[in-house]
Amino acid sequence: MKKNIAALFIFIMCVVLAGCSSTDYNNALAHMEKGEYDEAAAIFEELNFYKDSAEKLVYCSYEAGKAAAESGEWDKAIEFLKDLKYNDSEKLYEQCKIRKGMDEKADSAFLEALEECVRWRMNYGDEAVSEVLSEREYYALFPFKEEEFYQKDIRKAAKDFVAAADRQIDALYVETRRCSKQLIWTEALVEQYAVLNTLYENYGFMADDSEFVNKYIEGRERIEKLLKMYTEINIDLFDDFSNINYYEPDGNDCYAEFVNDTDYEMTVKFYFQIHSEDYSELYLTTADKVQRVKPNSEYRVTVYGGLDVPYGIVDPDWEIVICR
């Protein structure tokens, strides 16, 4: 008799538990269908091996972790994704650990500050030599030189970008020649473009901003071609105008021809000083200006002859204004 009672009790408990499991399972399914993966995962975990609860637990944990990652809740995402082998869960787990480390160190704060600088620069125009632009970036980003970073390449990016901004400031305030200012400025700008490209490729920096992608990623070659042209102008000017006899009694002119092989329209200004060979005496200052040179077109710069100036050293300088 006692055995029968015990068996009946066990049977009743199994029915009750099965009923509870069924209710909980359906409840979990309802949460899952609503996208409430946190709640669904918690219930499926309690159900153990009831029906396909184990499989649905994996699915809901993945979805809950992915949602947490998208909202920047790294601890929560890591908790759901840890030891999970589903779709790209392992990759996502590692990414969340990295992003958590970046938030705790200086990485994320630097990227936010850099994005603000870049957005301001896009409005201003970074081809222009500008004290305001350089100083704004330098003082906004300089504090990160002393910060601790989670990612080595972001630490290097911060160091390189600030160093480039520092070089631009030196060019503006230390260099006396117009061409040196512009050349050094643009060299540093090319270095900054390289930093932005690295951050874009490795971290998706500003990847959702089409203007940024068009200018700094797809348009990177434009600024590199501009630097190449500046460098060639500098070399050619000194080759063509250094140590020439400026005195031309027959009225002939000394000139050099150049090509604007960039994508920019520009106005080019050339300045010349004629000195004695030992630079002790300045004979003459003259200039030539070529306006609105179209992309991929030739132009000529001239030192006008026929002036009563003795043999001397021609010291050339130049300045380029980007029109568009």
C-alpha atoms as a PDB file:
ATOM      1  CA  MET A   1       0.000   0.000   0.000  1.00  0.00           C
ATOM      2  CA  LYS A   2       2.774   2.412   0.964  1.00  0.00           C
ATOM      3  CA  LYS A   3       4.573   1.616  -2.294  1.00  0.00           C
ATOM      4  CA  ASN A   4       1.474   2.437  -4.285  1.00  0.00           C
ATOM      5  CA  ILE A   5       1.048   5.745  -2.495  1.00  0.00           C
ATOM      6  CA  ALA A   6       4.699   6.664  -3.136  1.00  0.00           C
ATOM      7  CA  ALA A   7       4.413   5.774  -6.815  1.00  0.00           C
ATOM      8  CA  LEU A   8       1.249   7.845  -7.100  1.00  0.00           C
ATOM      9  CA  PHE A   9       2.977  10.787  -5.430  1.00  0.00           C
ATOM     10  CA  ILE A  10       5.904  10.592  -7.818  1.00  0.00           C
ATOM     11  CA  PHE A  11       3.530  10.407 -10.765  1.00  0.00           C
ATOM     12  CA  ILE A  12       1.586  13.445  -9.571  1.00  0.00           C
ATOM     13  CA  MET A  13       4.838  15.422  -9.038  1.00  0.00           C
ATOM     14  CA  CYS A  14       6.037  14.557 -12.525  1.00  0.00           C
ATOM     15  CA  VAL A  15       2.766  15.765 -13.990  1.00  0.00           C
ATOM     16  CA  VAL A  16       2.968  18.978 -11.948  1.00  0.00           C
ATOM     17  CA  LEU A  17       6.583  19.569 -12.904  1.00  0.00           C
ATOM     18  CA  ALA A  18       5.843  18.856 -16.534  1.00  0.00           C
ATOM     19  CA  GLY A  19       3.018  21.342 -16.357  1.00  0.00           C
ATOM     20  CA  CYS A  20       5.256  23.953 -14.778  1.00  0.00           C
ATOM     21  CA  SER A  21       7.968  23.314 -17.383  1.00  0.00           C
ATOM     22  CA  SER A  22       5.436  23.646 -20.171  1.00  0.00           C
ATOM     23  CA  THR A  23       4.184  26.964 -18.766  1.00  0.00           C
ATOM     24  CA  ASP A  24       7.700  28.299 -18.288  1.00  0.00           C
ATOM     25  CA  TYR A  25       8.717  27.116 -21.747  1.00  0.00           C
ATOM     26  CA  ASN A  26       5.793  28.893 -23.375  1.00  0.00           C
ATOM     27  CA  ASN A  27       6.566  31.977 -21.301  1.00  0.00           C
ATOM     28  CA  ALA A  28      10.160  31.897 -22.504  1.00  0.00           C
ATOM     29  CA  LEU A  29       8.985  31.532 -26.100  1.00  0.00           C
ATOM     30  CA  ALA A  30       6.765  34.585 -25.692  1.00  0.00           C
ATOM     31  CA  HIS A  31       9.707  36.645 -24.411  1.00  0.00           C
ATOM     32  CA  MET A  32      11.860  35.406 -27.291  1.00  0.00           C
ATOM     33  CA  GLU A  33       9.266  36.358 -29.896  1.00  0.00           C
ATOM     34  CA  LYS A  34       9.117  39.871 -28.419  1.00  0.00           C
ATOM     35  CA  GLY A  35      12.887  40.195 -28.628  1.00  0.00           C
ATOM     36  CA  GLU A  36      13.218  40.060 -24.852  1.00  0.00           C
ATOM     37  CA  TYR A  37      16.196  37.746 -25.029  1.00  0.00           C
ATOM     38  CA  ASP A  38      17.522  38.445 -21.526  1.00  0.00           C
ATOM     39  CA  GLU A  39      14.302  37.212 -19.917  1.00  0.00           C
ATOM     40  CA  ALA A  40      13.957  34.279 -22.294  1.00  0.00           C
ATOM     41  CA  ALA A  41      17.533  33.133 -21.690  1.00  0.00           C
ATOM     42  CA  ALA A  42      17.038  33.213 -17.912  1.00  0.00           C
ATOM     43  CA  ILE A  43      13.975  30.938 -18.173  1.00  0.00           C
ATOM     44  CA  PHE A  44      15.505  28.540 -20.697  1.00  0.00           C
ATOM     45  CA  GLU A  45      18.511  28.161 -18.424  1.00  0.00           C
ATOM     46  CA  GLU A  46      16.237  26.972 -15.596  1.00  0.00           C
ATOM     47  CA  LEU A  47      14.474  24.477 -17.839  1.00  0.00           C
ATOM     48  CA  ASN A  48      17.634  22.466 -18.428  1.00  0.00           C
ATOM     49  CA  PHE A  49      16.872  19.828 -21.052  1.00  0.00           C
ATOM     50  CA  TYR A  50      13.140  20.363 -21.397  1.00  0.00           C
ATOM     51  CA  LYS A  51      12.367  20.012 -25.100  1.00  0.00           C
ATOM     52  CA  ASP A  52      14.839  22.224 -27.054  1.00  0.00           C
ATOM     53  CA  SER A  53      15.479  24.642 -24.173  1.00  0.00           C
ATOM     54  CA  ALA A  54      19.239  24.129 -24.379  1.00  0.00           C
ATOM     55  CA  GLU A  55      19.309  25.158 -28.048  1.00  0.00           C
ATOM     56  CA  LYS A  56      17.073  28.137 -27.473  1.00  0.00           C
ATOM     57  CA  LEU A  57      19.213  29.175 -24.509  1.00  0.00           C
ATOM     58  CA  VAL A  58      22.223  29.415 -26.821  1.00  0.00           C
ATOM     59  CA  TYR A  59      20.252  31.432 -29.384  1.00  0.00           C
ATOM     60  CA  CYS A  60      18.788  33.839 -26.824  1.00  0.00           C
ATOM     61  CA  SER A  61      22.141  34.288 -25.081  1.00  0.00           C
ATOM     62  CA  TYR A  62      23.709  35.215 -28.421  1.00  0.00           C
ATOM     63  CA  GLU A  63      20.963  37.688 -29.300  1.00  0.00           C
ATOM     64  CA  ALA A  64      21.043  39.214 -25.800  1.00  0.00           C
ATOM     65  CA  GLY A  65      24.814  39.557 -25.998  1.00  0.00           C
ATOM     66  CA  LYS A  66      24.687  41.105 -29.457  1.00  0.00           C
ATOM     67  CA  ALA A  67      22.022  43.608 -28.359  1.00  0.00           C
ATOM     68  CA  ALA A  68      24.081  44.535 -25.309  1.00  0.00           C
ATOM     69  CA  ALA A  69      27.152  45.016 -27.505  1.00  0.00           C
ATOM     70  CA  GLU A  70      25.237  47.310 -29.844  1.00  0.00           C
ATOM     71  CA  SER A  71      24.210  49.495 -26.902  1.00  0.00           C
ATOM     72  CA  GLY A  72      27.721  49.531 -25.429  1.00  0.00           C
ATOM     73  CA  GLU A  73      26.874  47.432 -22.363  1.00  0.00           C
ATOM     74  CA  TRP A  74      30.134  45.550 -22.502  1.00  0.00           C
ATOM     75  CA  ASP A  75      29.930  43.708 -19.154  1.00  0.00           C
ATOM     76  CA  LYS A  76      26.479  42.406 -19.979  1.00  0.00           C
ATOM     77  CA  ALA A  77      27.519  41.418 -23.491  1.00  0.00           C
ATOM     78  CA  ILE A  78      30.592  39.611 -22.201  1.00  0.00           C
ATOM     79  CA  GLU A  79      28.505  37.713 -19.658  1.00  0.00           C
ATOM     80  CA  PHE A  80      26.088  36.408 -22.301  1.00  0.00           C
ATOM     81  CA  LEU A  81      28.716  35.625 -24.933  1.00  0.00           C
ATOM     82  CA  LYS A  82      31.338  33.983 -22.739  1.00  0.00           C
ATOM     83  CA  ASP A  83      31.983  30.338 -23.685  1.00  0.00           C
ATOM     84  CA  LEU A  84      29.228  30.564 -26.301  1.00  0.00           C
ATOM     85  CA  LYS A  85      29.884  28.864 -29.624  1.00  0.00           C
ATOM     86  CA  TYR A  86      27.216  30.164 -31.962  1.00  0.00           C
ATOM     87  CA  ASN A  87      27.596  32.034 -35.246  1.00  0.00           C
ATOM     88  CA  ASP A  88      30.243  34.745 -34.666  1.00  0.00           C
ATOM     89  CA  SER A  89      29.845  34.742 -30.883  1.00  0.00           C
ATOM     90  CA  GLU A  90      33.536  34.115 -30.198  1.00  0.00           C
ATOM     91  CA  LYS A  91      34.611  37.009 -32.416  1.00  0.00           C
ATOM     92  CA  LEU A  92      31.948  39.254 -30.910  1.00  0.00           C
ATOM     93  CA  TYR A  93      33.062  38.270 -27.406  1.00  0.00           C
ATOM     94  CA  GLU A  94      36.648  39.307 -28.154  1.00  0.00           C
ATOM     95  CA  GLN A  95      35.462  42.575 -29.668  1.00  0.00           C
ATOM     96  CA  CYS A  96      33.442  43.351 -26.543  1.00  0.00           C
ATOM     97  CA  LYS A  97      36.459  42.708 -24.320  1.00  0.00           C
ATOM     98  CA  ILE A  98      38.490  45.094 -26.453  1.00  0.00           C
ATOM     99  CA  ARG A  99      35.808  47.790 -26.412  1.00  0.00           C
ATOM    100  CA  LYS A 100      35.452  47.442 -22.656  1.00  0.00           C
ATOM    101  CA  GLY A 101      39.206  47.933 -22.291  1.00  0.00           C
ATOM    102  CA  MET A 102      39.100  50.925 -24.648  1.00  0.00           C
ATOM    103  CA  ASP A 103      36.368  52.562 -22.565  1.00  0.00           C
ATOM    104  CA  GLU A 104      38.253  51.979 -19.330  1.00  0.00           C
ATOM    105  CA  LYS A 105      41.486  53.404 -20.801  1.00  0.00           C
ATOM    106  CA  ALA A 106      41.923  56.504 -22.971  1.00  0.00           C
ATOM    107  CA  ASP A 107      41.165  54.891 -26.346  1.00  0.00           C
ATOM    108  CA  SER A 108      37.457  55.730 -26.647  1.00  0.00           C
ATOM    109  CA  ALA A 109      37.853  59.233 -25.248  1.00  0.00           C
ATOM    110  CA  PHE A 110      40.637  59.935 -27.743  1.00  0.00           C
ATOM    111  CA  LEU A 111      38.556  58.685 -30.674  1.00  0.00           C
ATOM    112  CA  GLU A 112      35.656  60.902 -29.596  1.00  0.00           C
ATOM    113  CA  ALA A 113      37.929  63.950 -29.300  1.00  0.00           C
ATOM    114  CA  LEU A 114      39.528  63.168 -32.650  1.00  0.00           C
ATOM    115  CA  GLU A 115      36.129  62.830 -34.324  1.00  0.00           C
ATOM    116  CA  GLU A 116      35.133  66.251 -33.016  1.00  0.00           C
ATOM    117  CA  CYS A 117      38.339  67.732 -34.434  1.00  0.00           C
ATOM    118  CA  VAL A 118      37.814  66.046 -37.801  1.00  0.00           C
ATOM    119  CA  ARG A 119      34.225  67.255 -38.086  1.00  0.00           C
ATOM    120  CA  TRP A 120      35.366  70.805 -37.359  1.00  0.00           C
ATOM    121  CA  ARG A 121      38.160  70.403 -39.899  1.00  0.00           C
ATOM    122  CA  MET A 122      35.758  69.162 -42.590  1.00  0.00           C
ATOM    123  CA  ASN A 123      33.750  72.356 -42.188  1.00  0.00           C
ATOM    124  CA  TYR A 124      36.845  74.540 -42.209  1.00  0.00           C
ATOM    125  CA  GLY A 125      38.886  72.938 -45.017  1.00  0.00           C
ATOM    126  CA  ASP A 126      42.115  71.219 -44.069  1.00  0.00           C
ATOM    127  CA  GLU A 127      44.111  72.175 -47.171  1.00  0.00           C
ATOM    128  CA  ALA A 128      44.349  75.725 -45.818  1.00  0.00           C
ATOM    129  CA  VAL A 129      47.352  76.668 -43.722  1.00  0.00           C
ATOM    130  CA  SER A 130      45.693  77.868 -40.536  1.00  0.00           C
ATOM    131  CA  GLU A 131      46.906  78.709 -37.054  1.00  0.00           C
ATOM    132  CA  VAL A 132      43.377  78.277 -35.725  1.00  0.00           C
ATOM    133  CA  LEU A 133      43.002  74.779 -37.146  1.00  0.00           C
ATOM    134  CA  SER A 134      46.360  73.510 -35.875  1.00  0.00           C
ATOM    135  CA  GLU A 135      46.084  74.980 -32.413  1.00  0.00           C
ATOM    136  CA  ARG A 136      42.522  73.735 -31.924  1.00  0.00           C
ATOM    137  CA  GLU A 137      43.538  70.170 -32.779  1.00  0.00           C
ATOM    138  CA  TYR A 138      46.792  70.290 -30.876  1.00  0.00           C
ATOM    139  CA  TYR A 139      45.312  71.504 -27.602  1.00  0.00           C
ATOM    140  CA  ALA A 140      42.287  69.198 -27.886  1.00  0.00           C
ATOM    141  CA  LEU A 141      44.439  66.107 -28.394  1.00  0.00           C
ATOM    142  CA  PHE A 142      47.721  66.937 -26.648  1.00  0.00           C
ATOM    143  CA  PRO A 143      46.543  65.660 -23.203  1.00  0.00           C
ATOM    144  CA  PHE A 144      46.248  62.135 -24.649  1.00  0.00           C
ATOM    145  CA  LYS A 145      50.011  61.930 -25.077  1.00  0.00           C
ATOM    146  CA  GLU A 146      50.269  61.189 -21.358  1.00  0.00           C
ATOM    147  CA  GLU A 147      47.243  58.881 -21.097  1.00  0.00           C
ATOM    148  CA  GLU A 148      47.274  55.090 -20.855  1.00  0.00           C
ATOM    149  CA  PHE A 149      45.792  53.245 -23.826  1.00  0.00           C
ATOM    150  CA  TYR A 150      44.380  49.745 -24.140  1.00  0.00           C
ATOM    151  CA  GLN A 151      45.272  49.315 -27.814  1.00  0.00           C
ATOM    152  CA  LYS A 152      48.852  49.883 -28.936  1.00  0.00           C
ATOM    153  CA  ASP A 153      47.880  51.042 -32.410  1.00  0.00           C
ATOM    154  CA  ILE A 154      45.479  53.659 -31.014  1.00  0.00           C
ATOM    155  CA  ARG A 155      48.197  54.896 -28.684  1.00  0.00           C
ATOM    156  CA  LYS A 156      50.494  55.208 -31.722  1.00  0.00           C
ATOM    157  CA  ALA A 157      47.717  56.945 -33.666  1.00  0.00           C
ATOM    158  CA  ALA A 158      47.300  59.517 -30.900  1.00  0.00           C
ATOM    159  CA  LYS A 159      51.045  60.092 -30.721  1.00  0.00           C
ATOM    160  CA  ASP A 160      51.422  60.441 -34.496  1.00  0.00           C
ATOM    161  CA  PHE A 161      48.418  62.732 -34.970  1.00  0.00           C
ATOM    162  CA  VAL A 162      49.488  65.079 -32.164  1.00  0.00           C
ATOM    163  CA  ALA A 163      53.082  65.087 -33.445  1.00  0.00           C
ATOM    164  CA  ALA A 164      51.812  66.087 -36.891  1.00  0.00           C
ATOM    165  CA  ALA A 165      49.725  68.907 -35.413  1.00  0.00           C
ATOM    166  CA  ASP A 166      52.802  70.026 -33.461  1.00  0.00           C
ATOM    167  CA  ARG A 167      54.832  70.123 -36.694  1.00  0.00           C
ATOM    168  CA  GLN A 168      52.141  72.248 -38.314  1.00  0.00           C
ATOM    169  CA  ILE A 169      52.293  74.766 -35.484  1.00  0.00           C
ATOM    170  CA  ASP A 170      56.087  74.910 -35.757  1.00  0.00           C
ATOM    171  CA  ALA A 171      55.759  75.476 -39.503  1.00  0.00           C
ATOM    172  CA  LEU A 172      53.426  78.404 -38.912  1.00  0.00           C
ATOM    173  CA  TYR A 173      55.397  80.118 -36.176  1.00  0.00           C
ATOM    174  CA  VAL A 174      59.013  79.065 -36.775  1.00  0.00           C
ATOM    175  CA  GLU A 175      59.429  78.819 -40.539  1.00  0.00           C
ATOM    176  CA  THR A 176      59.969  82.138 -42.299  1.00  0.00           C
ATOM    177  CA  ARG A 177      59.673  81.026 -45.907  1.00  0.00           C
ATOM    178  CA  ARG A 178      56.170  80.731 -47.342  1.00  0.00           C
ATOM    179  CA  CYS A 179      56.991  77.542 -49.215  1.00  0.00           C
ATOM    180  CA  SER A 180      58.451  75.905 -46.095  1.00  0.00           C
ATOM    181  CA  LYS A 181      55.312  76.646 -44.134  1.00  0.00           C
ATOM    182  CA  GLN A 182      53.116  75.132 -46.813  1.00  0.00           C
ATOM    183  CA  LEU A 183      55.344  72.140 -47.492  1.00  0.00           C
ATOM    184  CA  ILE A 184      55.739  71.135 -43.833  1.00  0.00           C
ATOM    185  CA  TRP A 185      52.040  71.755 -43.163  1.00  0.00           C
ATOM    186  CA  THR A 186      51.064  69.430 -46.001  1.00  0.00           C
ATOM    187  CA  GLU A 187      53.614  66.772 -45.034  1.00  0.00           C
ATOM    188  CA  ALA A 188      52.040  66.692 -41.578  1.00  0.00           C
ATOM    189  CA  LEU A 189      48.568  66.630 -43.124  1.00  0.00           C
ATOM    190  CA  VAL A 190      49.482  63.535 -45.155  1.00  0.00           C
ATOM    191  CA  GLU A 191      50.646  61.893 -41.912  1.00  0.00           C
ATOM    192  CA  GLN A 192      47.305  62.725 -40.289  1.00  0.00           C
ATOM    193  CA  TYR A 193      45.429  61.242 -43.251  1.00  0.00           C
ATOM    194  CA  ALA A 194      47.446  58.047 -42.747  1.00  0.00           C
ATOM    195  CA  VAL A 195      46.390  57.933 -39.081  1.00  0.00           C
ATOM    196  CA  LEU A 196      42.723  58.415 -39.980  1.00  0.00           C
ATOM    197  CA  ASN A 197      42.929  55.650 -42.580  1.00  0.00           C
ATOM    198  CA  THR A 198      44.421  53.240 -40.040  1.00  0.00           C
ATOM    199  CA  LEU A 199      41.689  53.987 -37.509  1.00  0.00           C
ATOM    200  CA  TYR A 200      39.021  53.652 -40.190  1.00  0.00           C
ATOM    201  CA  GLU A 201      40.324  50.269 -41.331  1.00  0.00           C
ATOM    202  CA  ASN A 202      40.947  48.819 -37.863  1.00  0.00           C
ATOM    203  CA  TYR A 203      38.096  50.339 -35.839  1.00  0.00           C
ATOM    204  CA  GLY A 204      35.574  51.660 -38.347  1.00  0.00           C
ATOM    205  CA  PHE A 205      36.376  55.226 -37.280  1.00  0.00           C
ATOM    206  CA  MET A 206      33.629  57.517 -38.669  1.00  0.00           C
ATOM    207  CA  ALA A 207      32.710  54.804 -41.174  1.00  0.00           C
ATOM    208  CA  ASP A 208      29.057  55.904 -41.130  1.00  0.00           C
ATOM    209  CA  ASP A 209      29.966  59.435 -42.256  1.00  0.00           C
ATOM    210  CA  SER A 210      29.962  59.504 -46.072  1.00  0.00           C
ATOM    211  CA  GLU A 211      31.623  62.936 -46.212  1.00  0.00           C
ATOM    212  CA  PHE A 212      34.518  61.699 -44.082  1.00  0.00           C
ATOM    213  CA  VAL A 213      34.908  58.502 -46.109  1.00  0.00           C
ATOM    214  CA  ASN A 214      34.851  60.430 -49.378  1.00  0.00           C
ATOM    215  CA  LYS A 215      37.406  63.009 -48.262  1.00  0.00           C
ATOM    216  CA  TYR A 216      39.813  61.174 -45.974  1.00  0.00           C
ATOM    217  CA  ILE A 217      39.609  57.561 -47.128  1.00  0.00           C
ATOM    218  CA  GLU A 218      38.669  57.511 -50.797  1.00  0.00           C
ATOM    219  CA  GLY A 219      40.214  60.958 -51.328  1.00  0.00           C
ATOM    220  CA  ARG A 220      43.498  60.255 -49.571  1.00  0.00           C
ATOM    221  CA  GLU A 221      45.360  60.191 -52.882  1.00  0.00           C
ATOM    222  CA  ARG A 222      44.339  63.812 -53.564  1.00  0.00           C
ATOM    223  CA  ILE A 223      46.329  65.193 -50.646  1.00  0.00           C
ATOM    224  CA  GLU A 224      49.275  62.889 -51.395  1.00  0.00           C
ATOM    225  CA  LYS A 225      49.379  64.217 -54.982  1.00  0.00           C
ATOM    226  CA  LEU A 226      49.261  67.765 -53.619  1.00  0.00           C
ATOM    227  CA  LEU A 227      52.287  67.098 -51.412  1.00  0.00           C
ATOM    228  CA  LYS A 228      54.132  65.522 -54.346  1.00  0.00           C
ATOM    229  CA  MET A 229      53.488  68.645 -56.426  1.00  0.00           C
ATOM    230  CA  TYR A 230      54.660  70.965 -53.632  1.00  0.00           C
ATOM    231  CA  THR A 231      57.861  68.963 -53.309  1.00  0.00           C
ATOM    232  CA  GLU A 232      58.523  69.050 -57.036  1.00  0.00           C
ATOM    233  CA  ILE A 233      57.866  72.810 -57.225  1.00  0.00           C
ATOM    234  CA  ASN A 234      60.406  73.375 -54.496  1.00  0.00           C
ATOM    235  CA  ILE A 235      63.045  71.306 -56.273  1.00  0.00           C
ATOM    236  CA  ASP A 236      62.367  72.756 -59.727  1.00  0.00           C
ATOM    237  CA  LEU A 237      62.301  76.371 -58.568  1.00  0.00           C
ATOM    238  CA  PHE A 238      65.704  76.161 -56.971  1.00  0.00           C
ATOM    239  CA  ASP A 239      67.106  74.220 -59.916  1.00  0.00           C
ATOM    240  CA  ASP A 240      65.774  76.734 -62.461  1.00  0.00           C
ATOM    241  CA  PHE A 241      66.369  80.021 -60.658  1.00  0.00           C
ATOM    242  CA  SER A 242      69.364  79.574 -58.383  1.00  0.00           C
ATOM    243  CA  ASN A 243      72.677  81.071 -59.519  1.00  0.00           C
ATOM    244  CA  ILE A 244      71.355  82.664 -62.709  1.00  0.00           C
ATOM    245  CA  ASN A 245      72.409  85.963 -64.242  1.00  0.00           C
ATOM    246  CA  TYR A 246      69.261  87.980 -63.685  1.00  0.00           C
ATOM    247  CA  TYR A 247      70.560  90.935 -65.660  1.00  0.00           C
ATOM    248  CA  GLU A 248      69.065  90.532 -69.140  1.00  0.00           C
ATOM    249  CA  PRO A 249      69.879  93.645 -71.248  1.00  0.00           C
ATOM    250  CA  ASP A 250      68.038  92.273 -74.272  1.00  0.00           C
ATOM    251  CA  GLY A 251      64.796  92.127 -72.321  1.00  0.00           C
ATOM    252  CA  ASN A 252      64.502  88.353 -72.201  1.00  0.00           C
ATOM    253  CA  ASP A 253      62.879  86.749 -69.211  1.00  0.00           C
ATOM    254  CA  CYS A 254      63.860  83.794 -67.082  1.00  0.00           C
ATOM    255  CA  TYR A 255      60.963  81.444 -66.585  1.00  0.00           C
ATOM    256  CA  ALA A 256      60.037  77.938 -65.525  1.00  0.00           C
ATOM    257  CA  GLU A 257      57.053  75.838 -66.489  1.00  0.00           C
ATOM    258  CA  PHE A 258      55.064  73.675 -64.103  1.00  0.00           C
ATOM    259  CA  VAL A 259      52.086  71.330 -64.193  1.00  0.00           C
ATOM    260  CA  ASN A 260      49.242  71.313 -61.723  1.00  0.00           C
ATOM    261  CA  ASP A 261      48.815  67.532 -61.735  1.00  0.00           C
ATOM    262  CA  THR A 262      46.462  67.527 -58.754  1.00  0.00           C
ATOM    263  CA  ASP A 263      42.676  67.510 -58.466  1.00  0.00           C
ATOM    264  CA  TYR A 264      42.663  71.063 -57.052  1.00  0.00           C
ATOM    265  CA  GLU A 265      42.161  74.386 -58.768  1.00  0.00           C
ATOM    266  CA  MET A 266      44.700  76.805 -57.328  1.00  0.00           C
ATOM    267  CA  THR A 267      46.203  80.260 -57.487  1.00  0.00           C
ATOM    268  CA  VAL A 268      50.005  80.172 -57.405  1.00  0.00           C
ATOM    269  CA  LYS A 269      52.113  83.082 -56.190  1.00  0.00           C
ATOM    270  CA  PHE A 270      55.873  83.206 -56.681  1.00  0.00           C
ATOM    271  CA  TYR A 271      58.223  85.628 -54.945  1.00  0.00           C
ATOM    272  CA  PHE A 272      61.831  86.316 -55.860  1.00  0.00           C
ATOM    273  CA  GLN A 273      64.593  88.196 -54.122  1.00  0.00           C
ATOM    274  CA  ILE A 274      67.824  88.901 -55.947  1.00  0.00           C
ATOM    275  CA  HIS A 275      70.800  89.076 -53.604  1.00  0.00           C
ATOM    276  CA  SER A 276      74.497  89.590 -53.955  1.00  0.00           C
ATOM    277  CA  GLU A 277      76.401  86.324 -54.014  1.00  0.00           C
ATOM    278  CA  ASP A 278      77.253  86.620 -50.331  1.00  0.00           C
ATOM    279  CA  TYR A 279      73.660  87.642 -49.439  1.00  0.00           C
ATOM    280  CA  SER A 280      74.964  90.877 -47.936  1.00  0.00           C
ATOM    281  CA  GLU A 281      72.911  93.082 -50.274  1.00  0.00           C
ATOM    282  CA  LEU A 282      69.350  92.812 -51.566  1.00  0.00           C
ATOM    283  CA  TYR A 283      69.112  94.023 -55.167  1.00  0.00           C
ATOM    284  CA  LEU A 284      65.487  93.496 -55.993  1.00  0.00           C
ATOM    285  CA  THR A 285      62.216  91.908 -54.853  1.00  0.00           C
ATOM    286  CA  THR A 286      59.740  90.827 -57.516  1.00  0.00           C
ATOM    287  CA  ALA A 287      56.754  88.499 -57.822  1.00  0.00           C
ATOM    288  CA  ASP A 288      54.603  86.647 -60.305  1.00  0.00           C
ATOM    289  CA  LYS A 289      51.057  85.393 -59.759  1.00  0.00           C
ATOM    290  CA  VAL A 290      49.200  82.786 -61.787  1.00  0.00           C
ATOM    291  CA  GLN A 291      45.501  82.756 -60.967  1.00  0.00           C
ATOM    292  CA  ARG A 292      43.074  79.844 -60.914  1.00  0.00           C
ATOM    293  CA  VAL A 293      45.224  77.158 -62.472  1.00  0.00           C
ATOM    294  CA  LYS A 294      42.941  74.309 -63.468  1.00  0.00           C
ATOM    295  CA  PRO A 295      43.642  70.714 -62.402  1.00  0.00           C
ATOM    296  CA  ASN A 296      46.048  68.868 -64.719  1.00  0.00           C
ATOM    297  CA  SER A 297      47.099  71.986 -66.630  1.00  0.00           C
ATOM    298  CA  GLU A 298      50.418  73.733 -67.295  1.00  0.00           C
ATOM    299  CA  TYR A 299      51.448  77.199 -66.143  1.00  0.00           C
ATOM    300  CA  ARG A 300      54.554  79.373 -66.297  1.00  0.00           C
ATOM    301  CA  VAL A 301      56.316  81.494 -63.691  1.00  0.00           C
ATOM    302  CA  THR A 302      58.582  84.291 -64.837  1.00  0.00           C
ATOM    303  CA  VAL A 303      61.329  86.452 -63.397  1.00  0.00           C
ATOM    304  CA  TYR A 304      61.141  89.452 -65.674  1.00  0.00           C
ATOM    305  CA  GLY A 305      64.382  90.503 -67.334  1.00  0.00           C
ATOM    306  CA  GLY A 306      65.650  93.733 -68.784  1.00  0.00           C
ATOM    307  CA  LEU A 307      66.246  95.374 -65.413  1.00  0.00           C
ATOM    308  CA  ASP A 308      69.483  96.975 -64.415  1.00  0.00           C
ATOM    309  CA  VAL A 309      70.330  94.461 -61.721  1.00  0.00           C
ATOM    310  CA  PRO A 310      73.854  93.076 -61.336  1.00  0.00           C
ATOM    311  CA  TYR A 311      74.671  89.379 -61.336  1.00  0.00           C
ATOM    312  CA  GLY A 312      73.417  87.784 -58.161  1.00  0.00           C
ATOM    313  CA  ILE A 313      71.591  84.977 -56.415  1.00  0.00           C
ATOM    314  CA  VAL A 314      67.873  84.492 -57.025  1.00  0.00           C
ATOM    315  CA  ASP A 315      66.113  83.351 -53.890  1.00  0.00           C
ATOM    316  CA  PRO A 316      62.692  81.923 -54.880  1.00  0.00           C
ATOM    317  CA  ASP A 317      59.679  81.423 -52.648  1.00  0.00           C
ATOM    318  CA  TRP A 318      56.089  80.409 -53.364  1.00  0.00           C
ATOM    319  CA  GLU A 319      52.629  80.235 -51.871  1.00  0.00           C
ATOM    320  CA  ILE A 320      49.628  78.315 -53.205  1.00  0.00           C
ATOM    321  CA  VAL A 321      45.998  79.098 -52.452  1.00  0.00           C
ATOM    322  CA  ILE A 322      43.567  76.219 -53.032  1.00  0.00           C
ATOM    323  CA  CYS A 323      40.492  77.596 -54.783  1.00  0.00           C
ATOM    324  CA  ARG A 324      38.446  74.390 -54.817  1.00  0.00           C
END
